[in-house]
Amino acid sequence: MSRTLDLAARGLGQVSPGPLVGTVIVDAGGEVVGEGFYVFDKVKHAETIALEQSGDRTRGGVAYVSLEPHAHHGRTQPCTDALIKAGIKRVVAPIEDPNPKVSGRGFAHLREAGIEVRTGLLADKAAQLNEAYIHFMRTGRPYIHLKLAVSLDGKVATRTGDARWIAGGESRARAHELRYRYDAILVGSETALADNPLLTDRSGKPRRRPLVRIVLDDRLRLPTCSQLAQTAREEPLLLFTSSDADSGQKLRELGVEIVKSNAGARDLAAVLDELGKRELQSLLLEGGGTVAGAFLDARLVNKVTFFIAPMIIGGREAAIAVGGTGAEKISDAFQLENVEVVQRGRDVEVTGYPAKKKDEG
């Protein structure tokens, strides 16, 4: 199963809005005879690829699949049909597919055909691998990962606005790895104005969909001369703004897409619903402090990564990592669990997941 999950991970950046899936076929003698992983544009599912490799040696064997095989007709024939036809005697899959077209039906179809089905093996790792897909299927909204580079005293820029470079080279390379894994990246207008960023994926790895760049810009202040606007025809750029902002015609002429609403960029739920309609499965939130605080206050963040640099910036007027209302008491603070700490050159990367409150179960 561990090998199956490793295979599934090879589809990173190439499966959205679908899931990451890997398959290993073991013959009746216990030998691995077929492997496969899913890539959206190649159409064939991981199970089919692995079965084609294993050929006649599949009969009486075991299929290890990282996610419940589908039993419905979609872009391909049901994978359960292929497994049944190949003579597989047992399917081992860690978790159900939360897609309502699949959930439970794939396992039921296999059992009805007399195939033994075992679940739960490495379930936590399998769920983490597909955390964005699972969240999107359950909520219809993108999975939100907050990523920030900060000094030891929690600053993201000096009092003059200088922010290059707080994080070291290793951390910046890791940040581009994260961008590669996500469908979209979001910042607020203050960050867009202060940093004039490109917000592109410079990992150099192949990706199926271009990284959608998003700016929350209530007053439509993004300059037409900005790097974001000037590259809108090459890399998609989406601005959320209020209905009383100007038409943004010059930005539109550059290829910028503008979404207006009465509540504008402040209605985060409406923003996420719109992104969900566009099948953007995952969103990397890169700040600044106002936007980070707003998402945290609204409890909309699903994962957090801080790159902490060994420097002290100081200054009351220096930009802080997280604004918003914040916690009134320490007991109300945004607690993280399942925390992982990794050294990145001179920096420390801290990644964790929001701990559920007691009343949330």
Protein backbone atom coordinates (compact mmCIF):
# COMPACT_ATOMS: atom_id res chain seq x y z
CA MET A 1 0.00 0.00 0.00
CA SER A 2 2.88 2.35 0.71
CA ARG A 3 4.11 1.80 -2.85
CA THR A 4 0.59 2.45 -4.11
CA LEU A 5 0.50 5.83 -2.36
CA ASP A 6 3.92 6.71 -3.76
CA LEU A 7 2.63 5.93 -7.25
CA ALA A 8 -0.49 8.06 -6.69
CA ALA A 9 1.70 11.02 -5.67
CA ARG A 10 3.32 10.98 -9.13
CA GLY A 11 0.11 12.54 -10.41
CA LEU A 12 0.59 15.71 -8.36
CA GLY A 13 -0.25 18.77 -10.44
CA GLN A 14 -1.78 16.60 -13.18
CA VAL A 15 -5.09 15.24 -11.86
CA SER A 16 -7.24 18.16 -10.68
CA PRO A 17 -10.19 18.24 -10.39
CA GLY A 18 -9.85 14.46 -9.98
CA PRO A 19 -8.10 12.50 -7.21
CA LEU A 20 -4.59 11.10 -6.92
CA VAL A 21 -4.78 7.34 -7.51
CA GLY A 22 -2.17 4.61 -7.66
CA THR A 23 -2.51 0.86 -8.15
CA VAL A 24 -0.26 -2.16 -7.58
CA ILE A 25 -1.24 -5.64 -8.82
CA VAL A 26 0.23 -8.66 -7.03
CA ASP A 27 -0.18 -12.10 -8.58
CA ALA A 28 -1.25 -15.28 -6.77
CA GLY A 29 2.38 -16.01 -5.95
CA GLY A 30 2.92 -12.67 -4.22
CA GLU A 31 4.94 -11.00 -6.99
CA VAL A 32 4.25 -7.45 -8.17
CA VAL A 33 3.19 -7.74 -11.82
CA GLY A 34 1.59 -4.38 -12.58
CA GLU A 35 1.70 -0.75 -11.47
CA GLY A 36 -0.05 2.42 -12.55
CA PHE A 37 -1.01 5.93 -11.52
CA TYR A 38 -3.66 8.32 -12.73
CA VAL A 39 -3.05 11.41 -14.86
CA PHE A 40 -6.19 13.28 -15.97
CA ASP A 41 -5.19 13.93 -19.57
CA LYS A 42 -4.15 10.32 -20.22
CA VAL A 43 -7.75 9.29 -19.41
CA LYS A 44 -6.87 5.73 -18.38
CA HIS A 45 -7.24 5.11 -14.67
CA ALA A 46 -4.50 3.68 -12.48
CA GLU A 47 -6.28 0.33 -12.16
CA THR A 48 -6.55 -0.10 -15.94
CA ILE A 49 -2.89 0.73 -16.53
CA ALA A 50 -1.76 -1.74 -13.86
CA LEU A 51 -4.07 -4.46 -15.17
CA GLU A 52 -2.75 -4.03 -18.71
CA GLN A 53 0.79 -4.49 -17.41
CA SER A 54 -0.03 -7.62 -15.45
CA GLY A 55 -1.92 -9.37 -18.26
CA ASP A 56 -2.85 -13.00 -17.58
CA ARG A 57 -1.01 -13.02 -14.27
CA THR A 58 -3.78 -10.92 -12.75
CA ARG A 59 -6.17 -13.85 -12.24
CA GLY A 60 -6.35 -14.84 -8.59
CA GLY A 61 -4.23 -11.86 -7.59
CA VAL A 62 -4.64 -8.86 -5.33
CA ALA A 63 -5.15 -5.23 -6.37
CA TYR A 64 -3.87 -2.53 -4.02
CA VAL A 65 -5.59 0.76 -4.87
CA SER A 66 -5.08 4.07 -3.04
CA LEU A 67 -8.76 5.06 -3.36
CA GLU A 68 -12.05 3.21 -3.84
CA PRO A 69 -12.40 2.11 -7.51
CA HIS A 70 -15.31 3.73 -9.33
CA ALA A 71 -18.31 1.72 -10.52
CA HIS A 72 -20.03 4.34 -12.67
CA HIS A 73 -19.63 5.28 -16.33
CA GLY A 74 -17.74 8.57 -16.61
CA ARG A 75 -14.83 9.50 -18.88
CA THR A 76 -13.92 5.79 -18.77
CA GLN A 77 -15.61 2.44 -18.21
CA PRO A 78 -16.02 1.44 -14.52
CA CYS A 79 -12.74 0.32 -12.97
CA THR A 80 -14.66 -2.23 -10.92
CA ASP A 81 -15.69 -3.94 -14.18
CA ALA A 82 -12.05 -4.16 -15.24
CA LEU A 83 -11.00 -5.64 -11.90
CA ILE A 84 -13.81 -8.20 -11.97
CA LYS A 85 -13.10 -9.19 -15.58
CA ALA A 86 -9.38 -9.61 -14.83
CA GLY A 87 -10.11 -12.20 -12.14
CA ILE A 88 -8.83 -10.26 -9.15
CA LYS A 89 -9.75 -12.11 -5.94
CA ARG A 90 -9.07 -9.33 -3.42
CA VAL A 91 -9.01 -5.52 -3.49
CA VAL A 92 -7.23 -3.58 -0.74
CA ALA A 93 -8.09 0.12 -0.64
CA PRO A 94 -7.58 2.41 2.39
CA ILE A 95 -10.53 4.80 2.04
CA GLU A 96 -13.81 5.42 0.25
CA ASP A 97 -14.00 7.96 -2.54
CA PRO A 98 -16.14 10.88 -1.22
CA ASN A 99 -17.43 11.61 -4.73
CA PRO A 100 -21.19 10.90 -4.38
CA LYS A 101 -21.10 9.07 -7.73
CA VAL A 102 -18.56 6.64 -6.26
CA SER A 103 -18.79 6.59 -2.46
CA GLY A 104 -19.41 3.04 -1.31
CA ARG A 105 -20.73 1.90 -4.68
CA GLY A 106 -17.38 0.73 -5.95
CA PHE A 107 -16.78 -1.48 -2.92
CA ALA A 108 -20.36 -2.80 -3.09
CA HIS A 109 -19.98 -3.73 -6.76
CA LEU A 110 -16.78 -5.66 -6.06
CA ARG A 111 -18.31 -7.53 -3.13
CA GLU A 112 -21.39 -8.41 -5.18
CA ALA A 113 -19.03 -10.02 -7.71
CA GLY A 114 -17.49 -12.18 -4.99
CA ILE A 115 -14.30 -10.14 -4.59
CA GLU A 116 -12.97 -9.70 -1.07
CA VAL A 117 -12.58 -6.03 -0.13
CA ARG A 118 -10.37 -4.81 2.69
CA THR A 119 -10.22 -1.18 3.80
CA GLY A 120 -8.41 0.94 6.39
CA LEU A 121 -4.77 0.09 5.62
CA LEU A 122 -2.74 3.36 5.80
CA ALA A 123 -6.06 5.23 5.74
CA ASP A 124 -4.66 8.39 7.39
CA LYS A 125 -1.83 8.67 4.87
CA ALA A 126 -4.21 8.04 1.99
CA ALA A 127 -6.60 10.72 3.23
CA GLN A 128 -3.75 13.21 3.66
CA LEU A 129 -2.53 12.53 0.13
CA ASN A 130 -5.97 13.39 -1.25
CA GLU A 131 -6.87 16.02 1.36
CA ALA A 132 -7.70 18.70 -1.21
CA TYR A 133 -9.85 16.39 -3.32
CA ILE A 134 -11.72 15.04 -0.27
CA HIS A 135 -12.45 18.54 1.04
CA PHE A 136 -13.61 19.75 -2.36
CA MET A 137 -15.93 16.77 -2.81
CA ARG A 138 -17.47 17.28 0.61
CA THR A 139 -17.89 21.06 0.53
CA GLY A 140 -17.82 22.18 -3.11
CA ARG A 141 -15.15 24.71 -2.10
CA PRO A 142 -11.37 24.72 -2.56
CA TYR A 143 -9.08 23.39 0.14
CA ILE A 144 -7.23 26.37 1.66
CA HIS A 145 -3.56 26.22 2.64
CA LEU A 146 -2.16 29.35 4.31
CA LYS A 147 1.54 29.82 3.57
CA LEU A 148 3.60 32.65 5.06
CA ALA A 149 7.27 33.54 5.42
CA VAL A 150 7.91 35.36 8.69
CA SER A 151 10.69 36.63 10.93
CA LEU A 152 11.11 35.38 14.51
CA ASP A 153 9.01 38.31 15.70
CA GLY A 154 6.19 37.57 13.27
CA LYS A 155 6.86 40.27 10.68
CA VAL A 156 6.42 39.81 6.94
CA ALA A 157 8.07 43.09 5.90
CA THR A 158 9.98 46.05 7.35
CA ARG A 159 8.30 49.37 8.20
CA THR A 160 9.24 50.57 4.69
CA GLY A 161 7.55 47.57 3.06
CA ASP A 162 10.72 45.68 2.15
CA ALA A 163 10.02 41.93 2.19
CA ARG A 164 12.80 40.48 0.01
CA TRP A 165 13.95 38.10 1.15
CA ILE A 166 12.77 37.03 4.58
CA ALA A 167 12.83 33.35 3.66
CA GLY A 168 16.04 31.76 2.38
CA GLY A 169 16.57 30.01 -0.94
CA GLU A 170 15.57 26.55 0.31
CA SER A 171 12.28 27.89 1.68
CA ARG A 172 11.53 29.74 -1.55
CA ALA A 173 12.14 26.56 -3.55
CA ARG A 174 9.78 24.70 -1.23
CA ALA A 175 7.18 27.44 -1.68
CA HIS A 176 7.24 26.83 -5.45
CA GLU A 177 6.76 23.11 -4.82
CA LEU A 178 3.61 24.05 -2.91
CA ARG A 179 2.43 26.29 -5.74
CA TYR A 180 2.86 23.35 -8.10
CA ARG A 181 0.45 21.27 -6.02
CA TYR A 182 -2.34 23.85 -5.98
CA ASP A 183 -4.90 25.02 -8.52
CA ALA A 184 -4.93 28.67 -7.45
CA ILE A 185 -3.01 31.21 -5.40
CA LEU A 186 -4.56 34.20 -3.59
CA VAL A 187 -3.33 37.49 -2.13
CA GLY A 188 -4.92 40.73 -1.02
CA SER A 189 -4.61 44.02 -2.85
CA GLU A 190 -2.12 45.39 -0.29
CA THR A 191 0.32 42.58 -1.08
CA ALA A 192 -0.25 43.01 -4.81
CA LEU A 193 0.50 46.73 -4.55
CA ALA A 194 3.43 46.51 -2.14
CA ASP A 195 5.29 43.55 -3.64
CA ASN A 196 4.28 43.71 -7.32
CA PRO A 197 4.48 39.89 -7.45
CA LEU A 198 4.09 37.51 -10.37
CA LEU A 199 2.54 34.68 -8.29
CA THR A 200 3.55 32.06 -10.84
CA ASP A 201 4.58 28.43 -10.43
CA ARG A 202 8.30 28.33 -11.14
CA SER A 203 8.86 24.74 -10.04
CA GLY A 204 9.53 23.72 -13.64
CA LYS A 205 7.31 20.65 -13.27
CA PRO A 206 4.52 19.78 -15.71
CA ARG A 207 1.02 20.74 -14.63
CA ARG A 208 -2.35 20.07 -16.24
CA ARG A 209 -4.01 23.40 -15.45
CA PRO A 210 -2.37 26.82 -15.22
CA LEU A 211 -2.07 28.26 -11.73
CA VAL A 212 -4.97 30.72 -11.36
CA ARG A 213 -3.82 33.93 -9.68
CA ILE A 214 -6.43 35.65 -7.53
CA VAL A 215 -6.42 39.11 -5.96
CA LEU A 216 -9.03 40.39 -3.51
CA ASP A 217 -9.24 44.02 -4.63
CA ASP A 218 -12.34 45.80 -3.32
CA ARG A 219 -11.44 49.16 -4.83
CA LEU A 220 -9.89 47.76 -8.01
CA ARG A 221 -6.54 49.38 -7.33
CA LEU A 222 -4.31 46.93 -9.21
CA PRO A 223 -2.27 49.02 -11.69
CA THR A 224 -2.30 48.08 -15.35
CA CYS A 225 1.52 48.30 -15.25
CA SER A 226 1.77 45.63 -12.53
CA GLN A 227 3.42 42.30 -13.28
CA LEU A 228 0.13 40.56 -12.55
CA ALA A 229 -1.86 42.60 -15.07
CA GLN A 230 0.88 42.56 -17.70
CA THR A 231 1.02 38.75 -17.67
CA ALA A 232 -2.75 38.12 -17.52
CA ARG A 233 -2.88 36.75 -21.07
CA GLU A 234 -0.18 34.19 -20.30
CA GLU A 235 -1.28 33.22 -16.77
CA PRO A 236 -4.93 33.56 -15.65
CA LEU A 237 -5.66 36.46 -13.30
CA LEU A 238 -8.94 36.81 -11.42
CA LEU A 239 -9.87 39.93 -9.43
CA PHE A 240 -12.72 40.00 -6.93
CA THR A 241 -14.07 43.49 -6.33
CA SER A 242 -17.17 45.38 -5.21
CA SER A 243 -20.04 46.25 -7.53
CA ASP A 244 -19.44 50.00 -7.09
CA ALA A 245 -15.80 49.80 -8.26
CA ASP A 246 -15.03 51.22 -11.68
CA SER A 247 -15.44 49.05 -14.78
CA GLY A 248 -11.78 48.05 -14.89
CA GLN A 249 -11.93 48.22 -18.68
CA LYS A 250 -8.19 48.73 -19.11
CA LEU A 251 -7.50 45.71 -16.92
CA ARG A 252 -10.01 43.65 -18.89
CA GLU A 253 -8.27 44.64 -22.13
CA LEU A 254 -5.10 43.11 -20.71
CA GLY A 255 -6.90 39.80 -20.14
CA VAL A 256 -7.80 40.24 -16.47
CA GLU A 257 -11.09 38.65 -15.42
CA ILE A 258 -13.06 40.74 -12.92
CA VAL A 259 -15.81 39.39 -10.67
CA LYS A 260 -18.04 42.00 -9.03
CA SER A 261 -20.54 41.59 -6.22
CA ASN A 262 -22.28 43.79 -3.66
CA ALA A 263 -20.15 42.49 -0.79
CA GLY A 264 -17.07 42.39 -3.01
CA ALA A 265 -13.90 40.69 -1.85
CA ARG A 266 -14.99 40.84 1.79
CA ASP A 267 -17.53 38.06 1.30
CA LEU A 268 -15.09 35.20 1.54
CA ALA A 269 -17.80 32.55 1.40
CA ALA A 270 -19.03 33.94 -1.92
CA VAL A 271 -15.45 34.05 -3.24
CA LEU A 272 -14.93 30.39 -2.35
CA ASP A 273 -18.28 29.39 -3.84
CA GLU A 274 -17.28 31.06 -7.11
CA LEU A 275 -13.94 29.26 -7.12
CA GLY A 276 -15.73 26.00 -6.43
CA LYS A 277 -17.96 26.53 -9.47
CA ARG A 278 -14.78 26.84 -11.52
CA GLU A 279 -13.65 23.43 -10.17
CA LEU A 280 -10.62 24.93 -8.47
CA GLN A 281 -9.96 22.14 -5.99
CA SER A 282 -7.21 23.80 -3.96
CA LEU A 283 -6.05 27.29 -3.03
CA LEU A 284 -2.70 28.48 -1.68
CA LEU A 285 -3.23 31.58 0.45
CA GLU A 286 -0.13 33.78 0.48
CA GLY A 287 -1.33 36.86 2.37
CA GLY A 288 -0.81 39.55 3.39
CA GLY A 289 -1.77 40.02 6.99
CA THR A 290 -5.25 41.41 6.40
CA VAL A 291 -6.29 38.56 4.15
CA ALA A 292 -4.64 35.91 6.34
CA GLY A 293 -6.44 37.31 9.38
CA ALA A 294 -9.78 37.40 7.62
CA PHE A 295 -9.57 33.75 6.55
CA LEU A 296 -8.36 32.64 9.99
CA ASP A 297 -11.06 34.63 11.80
CA ALA A 298 -13.66 32.98 9.55
CA ARG A 299 -12.17 29.52 10.27
CA LEU A 300 -11.78 28.85 6.56
CA VAL A 301 -8.15 27.68 6.63
CA ASN A 302 -7.56 23.93 6.29
CA LYS A 303 -3.77 23.82 6.56
CA VAL A 304 -1.02 26.19 7.67
CA THR A 305 2.67 26.45 6.73
CA PHE A 306 5.01 29.06 8.19
CA PHE A 307 8.60 29.48 7.03
CA ILE A 308 10.29 31.06 10.04
CA ALA A 309 13.54 32.88 9.34
CA PRO A 310 16.19 33.48 12.05
CA MET A 311 15.91 37.26 11.99
CA ILE A 312 14.24 39.97 14.04
CA ILE A 313 12.78 42.88 12.05
CA GLY A 314 11.16 44.88 14.84
CA GLY A 315 9.22 48.11 14.55
CA ARG A 316 5.62 48.85 15.46
CA GLU A 317 4.85 49.87 11.91
CA ALA A 318 6.34 46.78 10.29
CA ALA A 319 3.78 44.52 8.62
CA ILE A 320 2.63 41.59 10.72
CA ALA A 321 1.91 38.10 9.39
CA VAL A 322 -1.69 37.87 10.57
CA GLY A 323 -4.14 40.70 11.12
CA GLY A 324 -7.87 40.45 11.63
CA THR A 325 -9.67 40.38 14.96
CA GLY A 326 -7.71 37.51 16.40
CA ALA A 327 -8.27 35.63 19.63
CA GLU A 328 -9.64 37.31 22.75
CA LYS A 329 -8.25 34.58 25.01
CA ILE A 330 -5.44 32.07 24.55
CA SER A 331 -8.06 29.32 24.68
CA ASP A 332 -9.59 30.89 21.54
CA ALA A 333 -6.31 30.91 19.63
CA PHE A 334 -6.00 29.05 16.33
CA GLN A 335 -4.41 25.83 17.55
CA LEU A 336 -2.59 23.43 15.23
CA GLU A 337 -2.29 19.65 15.47
CA ASN A 338 -0.40 16.97 13.52
CA VAL A 339 2.45 19.46 13.36
CA GLU A 340 5.52 18.74 11.25
CA VAL A 341 8.75 20.71 11.65
CA VAL A 342 11.40 20.61 8.90
CA GLN A 343 14.70 22.46 8.58
CA ARG A 344 14.92 24.40 5.29
CA GLY A 345 18.47 25.74 5.14
CA ARG A 346 18.63 28.46 7.78
CA ASP A 347 14.83 28.53 8.14
CA VAL A 348 12.35 26.28 9.89
CA GLU A 349 9.17 25.13 8.12
CA VAL A 350 6.25 24.49 10.47
CA THR A 351 3.17 22.83 8.97
CA GLY A 352 0.01 21.80 10.78
CA TYR A 353 -3.74 21.43 10.64
CA PRO A 354 -6.32 23.42 12.61
CA ALA A 355 -7.37 21.54 15.72
CA LYS A 356 -11.10 21.01 16.00
CA LYS A 357 -12.86 22.71 18.88
CA LYS A 358 -14.52 20.42 21.41
CA ASP A 359 -17.98 21.44 20.21
CA GLU A 360 -16.94 20.44 16.66
CA GLY A 361 -16.21 16.88 17.76
